[in-house]
Amino acid sequence: MAMPFKSALLENIGGIILNEKTAARVVMLDMDRIYPNPNQPRTRFNDAELEELAQSIKNNGLIQPIIVRRLDIGYELIAGERRMRAARLCGMTEISCIIVDANERSSAMMSLAENMQRKDLNFFEEAEAISAMTQLFGFTQEDVALRLGKSQSTIANKVRLLKFSRAERRKMIEYGFTERHARALLSVDSPDIRADLIEEIYERKLNVENTERLIDSMTRRNKELQRIRKCRGAFKDVRLFVNTINHAIEVMQAAGINAEVKKTKEKDYIEYVVRIPSNN
């Protein structure tokens, strides 16, 4: 992939390290020579947290170096974007780095692993990153599970979260939903119903258990409505109901029950009254 570059970098292409100041196994690099990772799984950065990290770096220095890989025209960030952003907020122009030998495929996996191990990603970002690993770089879900130290079923369940639209994902993260809240909503197929449920869960501050109960109750109610609609479709001809009533009366009379039905026809409706002796 073509990368932007400055003309000042060209003189260093060809295997010469770009003004690296070696300090044991760590090198100091100009941050202008470090390019973002196009496969960075983290898409949201909390400004308040970055300010806190920047203040910590200002007071104590950068305790842990970032990780980069060498490109023809500079370096690509693999892990440590929050640290680098915070360092820029401090006014730093150079940052301590560890350079690793990695191609784009392994760089993407390292970035995902580093973020997930630090819990820096929300569950939707994890799902998107895992999906990218499989679609762009040919990893299987088993490959990703092995490299992240998770079960294949865990990885598969995370990817299923991509069923939600981006608007739904943003709303759930904004409302502070957990991954278990989101997984419970996967059973709801209708986007309109999901939207209503998301708002209700948020407004009522439902925990996961109560969310699952709400969804289960709604699912059973919808099934009953569907059953009623099917029955309604099967009995559109009112004569079927009339025949059913008449047949029931005949059965009771045949059994010795003195049941009778009275039919009254009014302007707007027909009324049927069934009388069954109480002593029966």
C-alpha atoms as a PDB file:
ATOM      1  CA  MET A   1       0.000   0.000   0.000  1.00  0.00           C
ATOM      2  CA  ALA A   2       1.362   3.398  -0.941  1.00  0.00           C
ATOM      3  CA  MET A   3       2.336   5.479   2.069  1.00  0.00           C
ATOM      4  CA  PRO A   4       2.711   9.267   2.324  1.00  0.00           C
ATOM      5  CA  PHE A   5       6.288  10.417   2.828  1.00  0.00           C
ATOM      6  CA  LYS A   6       8.526  13.453   3.127  1.00  0.00           C
ATOM      7  CA  SER A   7      11.298  14.172   0.665  1.00  0.00           C
ATOM      8  CA  ALA A   8      13.763  14.355   3.568  1.00  0.00           C
ATOM      9  CA  LEU A   9      13.314  10.634   4.083  1.00  0.00           C
ATOM     10  CA  LEU A  10      14.469   9.645   0.628  1.00  0.00           C
ATOM     11  CA  GLU A  11      18.170  10.034   1.427  1.00  0.00           C
ATOM     12  CA  ASN A  12      17.850   7.275   4.011  1.00  0.00           C
ATOM     13  CA  ILE A  13      16.190   4.650   1.811  1.00  0.00           C
ATOM     14  CA  GLY A  14      18.280   1.624   1.025  1.00  0.00           C
ATOM     15  CA  GLY A  15      18.794  -0.104   4.298  1.00  0.00           C
ATOM     16  CA  ILE A  16      20.203   2.831   6.292  1.00  0.00           C
ATOM     17  CA  ILE A  17      18.378   3.289   9.578  1.00  0.00           C
ATOM     18  CA  LEU A  18      16.544   6.629   9.717  1.00  0.00           C
ATOM     19  CA  ASN A  19      18.445   8.591  12.361  1.00  0.00           C
ATOM     20  CA  GLU A  20      17.908   5.895  14.967  1.00  0.00           C
ATOM     21  CA  LYS A  21      19.507   6.646  18.316  1.00  0.00           C
ATOM     22  CA  THR A  22      20.197   3.247  19.813  1.00  0.00           C
ATOM     23  CA  ALA A  23      19.679   2.749  23.550  1.00  0.00           C
ATOM     24  CA  ALA A  24      20.355  -0.940  24.243  1.00  0.00           C
ATOM     25  CA  ARG A  25      17.460  -2.815  22.524  1.00  0.00           C
ATOM     26  CA  VAL A  26      15.315   0.312  22.250  1.00  0.00           C
ATOM     27  CA  VAL A  27      15.676   3.063  19.621  1.00  0.00           C
ATOM     28  CA  MET A  28      14.501   6.660  19.624  1.00  0.00           C
ATOM     29  CA  LEU A  29      12.557   7.591  16.475  1.00  0.00           C
ATOM     30  CA  ASP A  30      11.172  10.829  15.146  1.00  0.00           C
ATOM     31  CA  MET A  31       7.383  10.465  15.410  1.00  0.00           C
ATOM     32  CA  ASP A  32       6.938  12.134  12.021  1.00  0.00           C
ATOM     33  CA  ARG A  33       8.567   9.031  10.532  1.00  0.00           C
ATOM     34  CA  ILE A  34       6.078   6.639  12.123  1.00  0.00           C
ATOM     35  CA  TYR A  35       2.948   5.990  10.081  1.00  0.00           C
ATOM     36  CA  PRO A  36      -0.383   4.734  11.455  1.00  0.00           C
ATOM     37  CA  ASN A  37      -1.194   1.072  11.127  1.00  0.00           C
ATOM     38  CA  PRO A  38      -3.955   0.747   8.479  1.00  0.00           C
ATOM     39  CA  ASN A  39      -5.111  -2.420  10.269  1.00  0.00           C
ATOM     40  CA  GLN A  40      -5.335  -0.789  13.700  1.00  0.00           C
ATOM     41  CA  PRO A  41      -8.394  -2.435  15.294  1.00  0.00           C
ATOM     42  CA  ARG A  42      -9.004   0.383  17.766  1.00  0.00           C
ATOM     43  CA  THR A  43     -11.191   3.109  16.255  1.00  0.00           C
ATOM     44  CA  ARG A  44     -12.244   5.131  19.315  1.00  0.00           C
ATOM     45  CA  PHE A  45      -9.955   7.014  21.651  1.00  0.00           C
ATOM     46  CA  ASN A  46     -11.170   8.657  24.846  1.00  0.00           C
ATOM     47  CA  ASP A  47      -9.864  12.228  25.005  1.00  0.00           C
ATOM     48  CA  ALA A  48      -9.949  12.377  28.810  1.00  0.00           C
ATOM     49  CA  GLU A  49      -7.979   9.135  29.101  1.00  0.00           C
ATOM     50  CA  LEU A  50      -5.428  10.392  26.559  1.00  0.00           C
ATOM     51  CA  GLU A  51      -4.981  13.576  28.601  1.00  0.00           C
ATOM     52  CA  GLU A  52      -4.410  11.501  31.747  1.00  0.00           C
ATOM     53  CA  LEU A  53      -1.872   9.315  29.957  1.00  0.00           C
ATOM     54  CA  ALA A  54      -0.145  12.396  28.538  1.00  0.00           C
ATOM     55  CA  GLN A  55       0.196  13.856  32.034  1.00  0.00           C
ATOM     56  CA  SER A  56       1.593  10.560  33.312  1.00  0.00           C
ATOM     57  CA  ILE A  57       4.152  10.457  30.474  1.00  0.00           C
ATOM     58  CA  LYS A  58       5.081  14.084  31.166  1.00  0.00           C
ATOM     59  CA  ASN A  59       5.652  13.352  34.853  1.00  0.00           C
ATOM     60  CA  ASN A  60       7.210   9.887  34.648  1.00  0.00           C
ATOM     61  CA  GLY A  61       8.368   9.437  31.064  1.00  0.00           C
ATOM     62  CA  LEU A  62       7.263   6.720  28.640  1.00  0.00           C
ATOM     63  CA  ILE A  63       7.656   3.523  30.635  1.00  0.00           C
ATOM     64  CA  GLN A  64       6.931   1.082  27.816  1.00  0.00           C
ATOM     65  CA  PRO A  65       8.206   1.617  24.246  1.00  0.00           C
ATOM     66  CA  ILE A  66       5.870   1.356  21.280  1.00  0.00           C
ATOM     67  CA  ILE A  67       6.373  -1.376  18.660  1.00  0.00           C
ATOM     68  CA  VAL A  68       7.012  -0.590  14.982  1.00  0.00           C
ATOM     69  CA  ARG A  69       8.130  -2.327  11.815  1.00  0.00           C
ATOM     70  CA  ARG A  70      10.449  -0.875   9.208  1.00  0.00           C
ATOM     71  CA  LEU A  71       9.089   0.279   5.835  1.00  0.00           C
ATOM     72  CA  ASP A  72      11.034   1.504   2.833  1.00  0.00           C
ATOM     73  CA  ILE A  73      10.257   5.093   3.731  1.00  0.00           C
ATOM     74  CA  GLY A  74       9.889   4.999   7.478  1.00  0.00           C
ATOM     75  CA  TYR A  75       8.149   2.917  10.098  1.00  0.00           C
ATOM     76  CA  GLU A  76       4.669   1.564  10.649  1.00  0.00           C
ATOM     77  CA  LEU A  77       3.129   1.491  14.105  1.00  0.00           C
ATOM     78  CA  ILE A  78       2.185  -1.990  15.298  1.00  0.00           C
ATOM     79  CA  ALA A  79       1.306  -1.417  18.951  1.00  0.00           C
ATOM     80  CA  GLY A  80       1.120   1.653  21.148  1.00  0.00           C
ATOM     81  CA  GLU A  81      -1.048   4.171  19.330  1.00  0.00           C
ATOM     82  CA  ARG A  82      -2.497   5.536  22.579  1.00  0.00           C
ATOM     83  CA  ARG A  83       1.007   6.041  23.943  1.00  0.00           C
ATOM     84  CA  MET A  84       2.120   7.815  20.793  1.00  0.00           C
ATOM     85  CA  ARG A  85      -0.940  10.066  20.730  1.00  0.00           C
ATOM     86  CA  ALA A  86      -0.409  10.936  24.379  1.00  0.00           C
ATOM     87  CA  ALA A  87       3.288  11.601  23.732  1.00  0.00           C
ATOM     88  CA  ARG A  88       2.341  14.086  20.998  1.00  0.00           C
ATOM     89  CA  LEU A  89       0.034  15.837  23.471  1.00  0.00           C
ATOM     90  CA  CYS A  90       3.068  16.262  25.720  1.00  0.00           C
ATOM     91  CA  GLY A  91       4.915  18.003  22.904  1.00  0.00           C
ATOM     92  CA  MET A  92       7.335  15.114  22.363  1.00  0.00           C
ATOM     93  CA  THR A  93       8.827  14.767  18.877  1.00  0.00           C
ATOM     94  CA  GLU A  94      10.720  11.496  19.462  1.00  0.00           C
ATOM     95  CA  ILE A  95       9.545   8.300  21.092  1.00  0.00           C
ATOM     96  CA  SER A  96      11.211   5.100  22.265  1.00  0.00           C
ATOM     97  CA  CYS A  97      10.461   2.130  20.012  1.00  0.00           C
ATOM     98  CA  ILE A  98      11.161  -1.544  19.567  1.00  0.00           C
ATOM     99  CA  ILE A  99      11.581  -2.473  15.910  1.00  0.00           C
ATOM    100  CA  VAL A 100      10.342  -5.919  14.914  1.00  0.00           C
ATOM    101  CA  ASP A 101      10.668  -7.834  11.668  1.00  0.00           C
ATOM    102  CA  ALA A 102       7.084  -8.295  10.487  1.00  0.00           C
ATOM    103  CA  ASN A 103       5.062  -8.263   7.270  1.00  0.00           C
ATOM    104  CA  GLU A 104       1.630  -6.629   6.989  1.00  0.00           C
ATOM    105  CA  ARG A 105      -0.171  -9.860   7.864  1.00  0.00           C
ATOM    106  CA  SER A 106       1.761 -10.530  11.064  1.00  0.00           C
ATOM    107  CA  SER A 107       1.727  -6.813  11.932  1.00  0.00           C
ATOM    108  CA  ALA A 108      -2.060  -6.798  11.838  1.00  0.00           C
ATOM    109  CA  MET A 109      -2.243  -9.864  14.072  1.00  0.00           C
ATOM    110  CA  MET A 110       0.254  -8.396  16.545  1.00  0.00           C
ATOM    111  CA  SER A 111      -1.755  -5.175  16.724  1.00  0.00           C
ATOM    112  CA  LEU A 112      -4.963  -7.101  17.407  1.00  0.00           C
ATOM    113  CA  ALA A 113      -3.336  -9.299  20.050  1.00  0.00           C
ATOM    114  CA  GLU A 114      -1.737  -6.347  21.832  1.00  0.00           C
ATOM    115  CA  ASN A 115      -4.989  -4.398  21.978  1.00  0.00           C
ATOM    116  CA  MET A 116      -7.070  -7.365  23.130  1.00  0.00           C
ATOM    117  CA  GLN A 117      -4.579  -8.344  25.819  1.00  0.00           C
ATOM    118  CA  ARG A 118      -4.721  -4.798  27.176  1.00  0.00           C
ATOM    119  CA  LYS A 119      -8.544  -4.686  26.933  1.00  0.00           C
ATOM    120  CA  ASP A 120      -8.152  -1.559  24.807  1.00  0.00           C
ATOM    121  CA  LEU A 121     -10.857  -2.612  22.340  1.00  0.00           C
ATOM    122  CA  ASN A 122     -14.587  -2.662  22.824  1.00  0.00           C
ATOM    123  CA  PHE A 123     -16.280  -5.908  21.808  1.00  0.00           C
ATOM    124  CA  PHE A 124     -17.430  -4.578  18.436  1.00  0.00           C
ATOM    125  CA  GLU A 125     -13.897  -3.431  17.566  1.00  0.00           C
ATOM    126  CA  GLU A 126     -12.681  -6.908  18.500  1.00  0.00           C
ATOM    127  CA  ALA A 127     -15.262  -8.473  16.176  1.00  0.00           C
ATOM    128  CA  GLU A 128     -14.338  -6.137  13.321  1.00  0.00           C
ATOM    129  CA  ALA A 129     -10.629  -6.803  13.776  1.00  0.00           C
ATOM    130  CA  ILE A 130     -11.125 -10.582  13.837  1.00  0.00           C
ATOM    131  CA  SER A 131     -13.256 -10.357  10.702  1.00  0.00           C
ATOM    132  CA  ALA A 132     -10.501  -8.360   8.998  1.00  0.00           C
ATOM    133  CA  MET A 133      -7.952 -11.017   9.957  1.00  0.00           C
ATOM    134  CA  THR A 134     -10.004 -13.700   8.237  1.00  0.00           C
ATOM    135  CA  GLN A 135     -11.164 -11.724   5.195  1.00  0.00           C
ATOM    136  CA  LEU A 136      -8.079  -9.655   4.362  1.00  0.00           C
ATOM    137  CA  PHE A 137      -5.239 -11.902   5.461  1.00  0.00           C
ATOM    138  CA  GLY A 138      -6.640 -15.398   5.131  1.00  0.00           C
ATOM    139  CA  PHE A 139      -6.539 -16.385   8.792  1.00  0.00           C
ATOM    140  CA  THR A 140      -9.128 -18.927   9.853  1.00  0.00           C
ATOM    141  CA  GLN A 141     -11.064 -18.441  13.073  1.00  0.00           C
ATOM    142  CA  GLU A 142      -9.005 -21.301  14.486  1.00  0.00           C
ATOM    143  CA  ASP A 143      -5.803 -19.401  13.592  1.00  0.00           C
ATOM    144  CA  VAL A 144      -7.029 -16.276  15.343  1.00  0.00           C
ATOM    145  CA  ALA A 145      -8.177 -18.255  18.388  1.00  0.00           C
ATOM    146  CA  LEU A 146      -4.803 -19.962  18.687  1.00  0.00           C
ATOM    147  CA  ARG A 147      -2.836 -16.708  18.438  1.00  0.00           C
ATOM    148  CA  LEU A 148      -5.063 -14.894  20.910  1.00  0.00           C
ATOM    149  CA  GLY A 149      -5.252 -17.757  23.380  1.00  0.00           C
ATOM    150  CA  LYS A 150      -9.053 -18.023  23.126  1.00  0.00           C
ATOM    151  CA  SER A 151     -11.441 -20.807  22.138  1.00  0.00           C
ATOM    152  CA  GLN A 152     -12.707 -21.032  18.576  1.00  0.00           C
ATOM    153  CA  SER A 153     -16.300 -20.725  19.862  1.00  0.00           C
ATOM    154  CA  THR A 154     -15.397 -17.463  21.622  1.00  0.00           C
ATOM    155  CA  ILE A 155     -14.015 -16.067  18.367  1.00  0.00           C
ATOM    156  CA  ALA A 156     -17.081 -17.235  16.414  1.00  0.00           C
ATOM    157  CA  ASN A 157     -19.429 -15.618  18.952  1.00  0.00           C
ATOM    158  CA  LYS A 158     -17.557 -12.325  18.674  1.00  0.00           C
ATOM    159  CA  VAL A 159     -17.800 -12.320  14.882  1.00  0.00           C
ATOM    160  CA  ARG A 160     -21.564 -12.905  15.113  1.00  0.00           C
ATOM    161  CA  LEU A 161     -21.858  -9.449  16.691  1.00  0.00           C
ATOM    162  CA  LEU A 162     -21.235  -7.967  13.246  1.00  0.00           C
ATOM    163  CA  LYS A 163     -24.882  -8.811  12.482  1.00  0.00           C
ATOM    164  CA  PHE A 164     -25.706  -5.453  14.069  1.00  0.00           C
ATOM    165  CA  SER A 165     -25.624  -2.337  11.925  1.00  0.00           C
ATOM    166  CA  ARG A 166     -22.959   0.289  12.621  1.00  0.00           C
ATOM    167  CA  ALA A 167     -25.653   2.581  14.021  1.00  0.00           C
ATOM    168  CA  GLU A 168     -26.756  -0.149  16.451  1.00  0.00           C
ATOM    169  CA  ARG A 169     -23.152  -0.776  17.483  1.00  0.00           C
ATOM    170  CA  ARG A 170     -22.513   2.900  18.156  1.00  0.00           C
ATOM    171  CA  LYS A 171     -25.697   3.161  20.205  1.00  0.00           C
ATOM    172  CA  MET A 172     -24.885   0.109  22.350  1.00  0.00           C
ATOM    173  CA  ILE A 173     -21.361   1.336  23.070  1.00  0.00           C
ATOM    174  CA  GLU A 174     -22.690   4.822  23.852  1.00  0.00           C
ATOM    175  CA  TYR A 175     -25.230   3.290  26.262  1.00  0.00           C
ATOM    176  CA  GLY A 176     -22.575   1.191  28.002  1.00  0.00           C
ATOM    177  CA  PHE A 177     -23.940  -2.217  26.993  1.00  0.00           C
ATOM    178  CA  THR A 178     -21.795  -5.264  27.712  1.00  0.00           C
ATOM    179  CA  GLU A 179     -21.009  -7.991  25.206  1.00  0.00           C
ATOM    180  CA  ARG A 180     -23.587 -10.204  26.911  1.00  0.00           C
ATOM    181  CA  HIS A 181     -26.271  -7.545  26.366  1.00  0.00           C
ATOM    182  CA  ALA A 182     -25.374  -7.521  22.671  1.00  0.00           C
ATOM    183  CA  ARG A 183     -25.378 -11.327  22.405  1.00  0.00           C
ATOM    184  CA  ALA A 184     -28.861 -11.435  23.947  1.00  0.00           C
ATOM    185  CA  LEU A 185     -30.106  -9.039  21.256  1.00  0.00           C
ATOM    186  CA  LEU A 186     -28.760 -11.301  18.500  1.00  0.00           C
ATOM    187  CA  SER A 187     -31.872 -13.461  18.838  1.00  0.00           C
ATOM    188  CA  VAL A 188     -34.052 -10.561  17.653  1.00  0.00           C
ATOM    189  CA  ASP A 189     -34.258 -10.536  13.856  1.00  0.00           C
ATOM    190  CA  SER A 190     -36.255  -7.347  13.320  1.00  0.00           C
ATOM    191  CA  PRO A 191     -34.112  -4.151  13.226  1.00  0.00           C
ATOM    192  CA  ASP A 192     -37.134  -2.099  14.328  1.00  0.00           C
ATOM    193  CA  ILE A 193     -37.779  -4.295  17.346  1.00  0.00           C
ATOM    194  CA  ARG A 194     -34.056  -4.279  18.201  1.00  0.00           C
ATOM    195  CA  ALA A 195     -34.038  -0.484  18.104  1.00  0.00           C
ATOM    196  CA  ASP A 196     -36.978  -0.345  20.537  1.00  0.00           C
ATOM    197  CA  LEU A 197     -35.352  -2.909  22.823  1.00  0.00           C
ATOM    198  CA  ILE A 198     -32.028  -1.050  22.885  1.00  0.00           C
ATOM    199  CA  GLU A 199     -33.814   2.096  24.048  1.00  0.00           C
ATOM    200  CA  GLU A 200     -35.900   0.211  26.633  1.00  0.00           C
ATOM    201  CA  ILE A 201     -32.871  -1.621  28.045  1.00  0.00           C
ATOM    202  CA  TYR A 202     -31.020   1.677  28.365  1.00  0.00           C
ATOM    203  CA  GLU A 203     -33.926   3.636  29.866  1.00  0.00           C
ATOM    204  CA  ARG A 204     -34.710   0.904  32.400  1.00  0.00           C
ATOM    205  CA  LYS A 205     -31.010   0.276  33.137  1.00  0.00           C
ATOM    206  CA  LEU A 206     -31.543  -3.470  32.760  1.00  0.00           C
ATOM    207  CA  ASN A 207     -28.768  -5.876  33.658  1.00  0.00           C
ATOM    208  CA  VAL A 208     -28.022  -8.866  31.442  1.00  0.00           C
ATOM    209  CA  GLU A 209     -30.381 -11.238  33.263  1.00  0.00           C
ATOM    210  CA  ASN A 210     -33.336  -8.846  33.047  1.00  0.00           C
ATOM    211  CA  THR A 211     -32.479  -8.076  29.438  1.00  0.00           C
ATOM    212  CA  GLU A 212     -32.673 -11.775  28.591  1.00  0.00           C
ATOM    213  CA  ARG A 213     -36.041 -12.031  30.375  1.00  0.00           C
ATOM    214  CA  LEU A 214     -37.392  -9.040  28.463  1.00  0.00           C
ATOM    215  CA  ILE A 215     -36.286 -10.495  25.132  1.00  0.00           C
ATOM    216  CA  ASP A 216     -37.656 -13.935  25.998  1.00  0.00           C
ATOM    217  CA  SER A 217     -41.019 -12.433  26.974  1.00  0.00           C
ATOM    218  CA  MET A 218     -41.150 -10.380  23.785  1.00  0.00           C
ATOM    219  CA  THR A 219     -40.228 -13.427  21.681  1.00  0.00           C
ATOM    220  CA  ARG A 220     -43.007 -15.525  23.191  1.00  0.00           C
ATOM    221  CA  ARG A 221     -45.511 -12.693  22.717  1.00  0.00           C
ATOM    222  CA  ASN A 222     -44.536 -12.313  19.061  1.00  0.00           C
ATOM    223  CA  LYS A 223     -44.876 -16.051  18.476  1.00  0.00           C
ATOM    224  CA  GLU A 224     -48.372 -15.967  19.932  1.00  0.00           C
ATOM    225  CA  LEU A 225     -49.303 -13.020  17.707  1.00  0.00           C
ATOM    226  CA  GLN A 226     -47.988 -14.886  14.680  1.00  0.00           C
ATOM    227  CA  ARG A 227     -50.046 -17.932  15.638  1.00  0.00           C
ATOM    228  CA  ILE A 228     -53.167 -15.773  15.945  1.00  0.00           C
ATOM    229  CA  ARG A 229     -52.492 -14.141  12.582  1.00  0.00           C
ATOM    230  CA  LYS A 230     -52.165 -17.555  10.962  1.00  0.00           C
ATOM    231  CA  CYS A 231     -55.450 -18.653  12.500  1.00  0.00           C
ATOM    232  CA  ARG A 232     -57.076 -15.416  11.345  1.00  0.00           C
ATOM    233  CA  GLY A 233     -55.925 -16.096   7.831  1.00  0.00           C
ATOM    234  CA  ALA A 234     -57.287 -19.623   7.955  1.00  0.00           C
ATOM    235  CA  PHE A 235     -60.760 -18.481   9.099  1.00  0.00           C
ATOM    236  CA  LYS A 236     -61.472 -15.440   6.991  1.00  0.00           C
ATOM    237  CA  ASP A 237     -64.864 -16.916   5.962  1.00  0.00           C
ATOM    238  CA  VAL A 238     -67.185 -16.348   8.934  1.00  0.00           C
ATOM    239  CA  ARG A 239     -69.322 -19.312   7.799  1.00  0.00           C
ATOM    240  CA  LEU A 240     -66.621 -21.602   9.146  1.00  0.00           C
ATOM    241  CA  PHE A 241     -67.218 -20.208  12.640  1.00  0.00           C
ATOM    242  CA  VAL A 242     -70.970 -20.595  12.248  1.00  0.00           C
ATOM    243  CA  ASN A 243     -70.596 -24.202  11.129  1.00  0.00           C
ATOM    244  CA  THR A 244     -68.290 -24.847  14.091  1.00  0.00           C
ATOM    245  CA  ILE A 245     -70.915 -23.500  16.511  1.00  0.00           C
ATOM    246  CA  ASN A 246     -73.709 -25.532  14.903  1.00  0.00           C
ATOM    247  CA  HIS A 247     -71.593 -28.688  14.976  1.00  0.00           C
ATOM    248  CA  ALA A 248     -70.815 -28.190  18.667  1.00  0.00           C
ATOM    249  CA  ILE A 249     -74.533 -27.849  19.444  1.00  0.00           C
ATOM    250  CA  GLU A 250     -75.344 -31.000  17.485  1.00  0.00           C
ATOM    251  CA  VAL A 251     -72.655 -32.970  19.357  1.00  0.00           C
ATOM    252  CA  MET A 252     -74.018 -31.835  22.733  1.00  0.00           C
ATOM    253  CA  GLN A 253     -77.606 -32.631  21.729  1.00  0.00           C
ATOM    254  CA  ALA A 254     -76.534 -36.094  20.556  1.00  0.00           C
ATOM    255  CA  ALA A 255     -74.971 -36.599  23.974  1.00  0.00           C
ATOM    256  CA  GLY A 256     -78.267 -35.770  25.674  1.00  0.00           C
ATOM    257  CA  ILE A 257     -77.459 -32.184  26.580  1.00  0.00           C
ATOM    258  CA  ASN A 258     -80.368 -29.856  25.853  1.00  0.00           C
ATOM    259  CA  ALA A 259     -78.173 -27.145  24.297  1.00  0.00           C
ATOM    260  CA  GLU A 260     -79.561 -24.585  21.887  1.00  0.00           C
ATOM    261  CA  VAL A 261     -78.309 -21.649  19.863  1.00  0.00           C
ATOM    262  CA  LYS A 262     -80.186 -18.467  19.066  1.00  0.00           C
ATOM    263  CA  LYS A 263     -79.224 -16.348  16.064  1.00  0.00           C
ATOM    264  CA  THR A 264     -80.140 -12.674  15.888  1.00  0.00           C
ATOM    265  CA  LYS A 265     -79.341 -10.629  12.817  1.00  0.00           C
ATOM    266  CA  GLU A 266     -78.879  -6.919  13.405  1.00  0.00           C
ATOM    267  CA  LYS A 267     -77.959  -4.134  11.018  1.00  0.00           C
ATOM    268  CA  ASP A 268     -74.240  -4.144  11.777  1.00  0.00           C
ATOM    269  CA  TYR A 269     -73.681  -7.605  13.159  1.00  0.00           C
ATOM    270  CA  ILE A 270     -75.028 -11.121  13.715  1.00  0.00           C
ATOM    271  CA  GLU A 271     -75.342 -12.319  17.310  1.00  0.00           C
ATOM    272  CA  TYR A 272     -75.221 -15.958  18.376  1.00  0.00           C
ATOM    273  CA  VAL A 273     -76.278 -16.927  21.898  1.00  0.00           C
ATOM    274  CA  VAL A 274     -75.595 -20.484  23.069  1.00  0.00           C
ATOM    275  CA  ARG A 275     -77.604 -21.754  26.036  1.00  0.00           C
ATOM    276  CA  ILE A 276     -76.599 -24.856  27.958  1.00  0.00           C
ATOM    277  CA  PRO A 277     -78.727 -25.943  30.962  1.00  0.00           C
ATOM    278  CA  SER A 278     -76.765 -25.440  34.176  1.00  0.00           C
ATOM    279  CA  ASN A 279     -77.769 -28.854  35.538  1.00  0.00           C
ATOM    280  CA  ASN A 280     -75.751 -30.391  32.711  1.00  0.00           C
END
